[in-house]
Amino acid sequence: MTTYSEFHGRVPLSEIENRLRVLARGQKAFKILTGYGSSGGTSRSKEEAIKALRRMKKQGVIKGFIPGEEAGFLQGAGSEYYDTKMEFYDILKSDRDSGNDGIIFVFVR
């Protein structure tokens, strides 16, 4: 699965959704590196990417997404990531970035 590192500070926040939409065309799945968060514990690029991915999922542009740290945890049926993790479990369990809080897995088809 291809990892795109440009989301770690090289894509302006206002362009994150546009770039994600371009990447989603013609791919089955990909990962983005958003950074691990600042001293305050959050990464603005990660927050913007998650907001954009939620919209894209709702619009049917992508099948699902899951942040790396969520991929490493047992999900309850009430989690917004539960269905994605169950559907793509085989991919997530064997990926070395599962559990990495700077990565977001994106599944297009």
Protein backbone atom coordinates (compact mmCIF):
# COMPACT_ATOMS: atom_id res chain seq x y z
CA MET A 1 0.00 0.00 0.00
CA THR A 2 1.44 3.37 -0.99
CA THR A 3 2.14 5.90 1.77
CA TYR A 4 1.88 9.60 0.95
CA SER A 5 4.01 11.71 3.29
CA GLU A 6 3.05 15.10 1.84
CA PHE A 7 0.28 15.48 4.44
CA HIS A 8 2.96 15.92 7.07
CA GLY A 9 3.22 19.68 6.59
CA ARG A 10 3.59 20.06 2.83
CA VAL A 11 -0.09 20.27 1.84
CA PRO A 12 -1.80 23.45 3.10
CA LEU A 13 -4.70 22.66 5.43
CA SER A 14 -7.14 24.23 2.98
CA GLU A 15 -6.00 21.82 0.22
CA ILE A 16 -6.05 18.53 2.14
CA GLU A 17 -9.49 17.44 0.97
CA ASN A 18 -8.75 18.27 -2.67
CA ARG A 19 -5.52 16.27 -2.55
CA LEU A 20 -7.27 13.30 -0.89
CA ARG A 21 -9.93 13.31 -3.61
CA VAL A 22 -7.24 13.23 -6.31
CA LEU A 23 -5.46 10.33 -4.60
CA ALA A 24 -8.72 8.37 -4.25
CA ARG A 25 -9.20 8.23 -8.03
CA GLY A 26 -8.09 4.91 -9.41
CA GLN A 27 -6.68 3.40 -6.20
CA LYS A 28 -7.97 0.60 -4.02
CA ALA A 29 -6.25 1.77 -0.84
CA PHE A 30 -3.49 4.05 0.39
CA LYS A 31 -2.01 5.51 3.56
CA ILE A 32 -1.25 9.08 4.46
CA LEU A 33 1.36 10.27 6.94
CA THR A 34 -0.06 13.23 8.84
CA GLY A 35 2.37 13.56 11.71
CA TYR A 36 2.26 12.47 15.29
CA GLY A 37 0.93 15.63 16.85
CA SER A 38 2.49 18.66 18.43
CA SER A 39 3.44 19.12 22.04
CA GLY A 40 -0.27 19.80 22.55
CA GLY A 41 -1.00 16.25 21.42
CA THR A 42 -2.80 16.92 18.14
CA SER A 43 -1.77 17.39 14.54
CA ARG A 44 -3.81 19.97 12.63
CA SER A 45 -3.17 18.17 9.35
CA LYS A 46 -4.47 14.94 10.88
CA GLU A 47 -7.60 16.67 12.17
CA GLU A 48 -8.28 18.22 8.76
CA ALA A 49 -7.65 14.92 6.98
CA ILE A 50 -10.10 13.09 9.26
CA LYS A 51 -12.77 15.76 8.70
CA ALA A 52 -12.28 15.50 4.93
CA LEU A 53 -12.32 11.69 4.99
CA ARG A 54 -15.58 11.68 6.98
CA ARG A 55 -17.17 13.87 4.29
CA MET A 56 -15.76 11.70 1.52
CA LYS A 57 -17.09 8.54 3.16
CA LYS A 58 -20.53 10.09 3.61
CA GLN A 59 -20.52 11.09 -0.07
CA GLY A 60 -19.45 7.60 -1.17
CA VAL A 61 -16.07 8.71 -2.55
CA ILE A 62 -14.25 6.25 -0.26
CA LYS A 63 -15.35 3.04 1.41
CA GLY A 64 -13.76 3.86 4.75
CA PHE A 65 -10.72 5.04 6.69
CA ILE A 66 -9.10 4.33 10.01
CA PRO A 67 -6.33 6.14 11.88
CA GLY A 68 -3.34 3.91 12.58
CA GLU A 69 -3.77 4.03 16.34
CA GLU A 70 -7.36 2.83 16.00
CA ALA A 71 -6.26 0.00 13.71
CA GLY A 72 -4.20 -1.39 16.58
CA PHE A 73 -7.09 -1.46 19.07
CA LEU A 74 -10.05 -3.74 19.51
CA GLN A 75 -13.07 -1.82 18.22
CA GLY A 76 -16.53 -2.02 19.70
CA ALA A 77 -19.59 -2.07 17.43
CA GLY A 78 -20.30 1.54 18.44
CA SER A 79 -17.01 2.84 17.04
CA GLU A 80 -17.13 4.82 13.79
CA TYR A 81 -14.20 2.67 12.61
CA TYR A 82 -15.67 -0.74 13.47
CA ASP A 83 -17.05 -1.61 10.02
CA THR A 84 -13.89 -0.49 8.27
CA LYS A 85 -11.69 -2.51 10.60
CA MET A 86 -13.82 -5.63 10.20
CA GLU A 87 -13.93 -5.36 6.40
CA PHE A 88 -10.22 -4.66 5.96
CA TYR A 89 -8.88 -6.57 8.96
CA ASP A 90 -6.60 -8.83 6.91
CA ILE A 91 -4.86 -5.82 5.38
CA LEU A 92 -4.62 -3.92 8.67
CA LYS A 93 -3.28 -6.80 10.76
CA SER A 94 -0.37 -7.43 8.41
CA ASP A 95 0.58 -3.79 7.81
CA ARG A 96 3.62 -2.54 9.73
CA ASP A 97 1.91 0.83 10.30
CA SER A 98 -1.03 -0.65 12.19
CA GLY A 99 -0.89 1.07 15.57
CA ASN A 100 1.08 4.07 14.21
CA ASP A 101 -0.70 7.25 15.29
CA GLY A 102 0.81 9.30 12.46
CA ILE A 103 -0.80 7.19 9.72
CA ILE A 104 -4.33 7.10 8.35
CA PHE A 105 -5.41 4.11 6.23
CA VAL A 106 -7.81 5.00 3.42
CA PHE A 107 -9.86 2.35 1.58
CA VAL A 108 -11.43 3.41 -1.68
CA ARG A 109 -12.92 0.12 -2.91
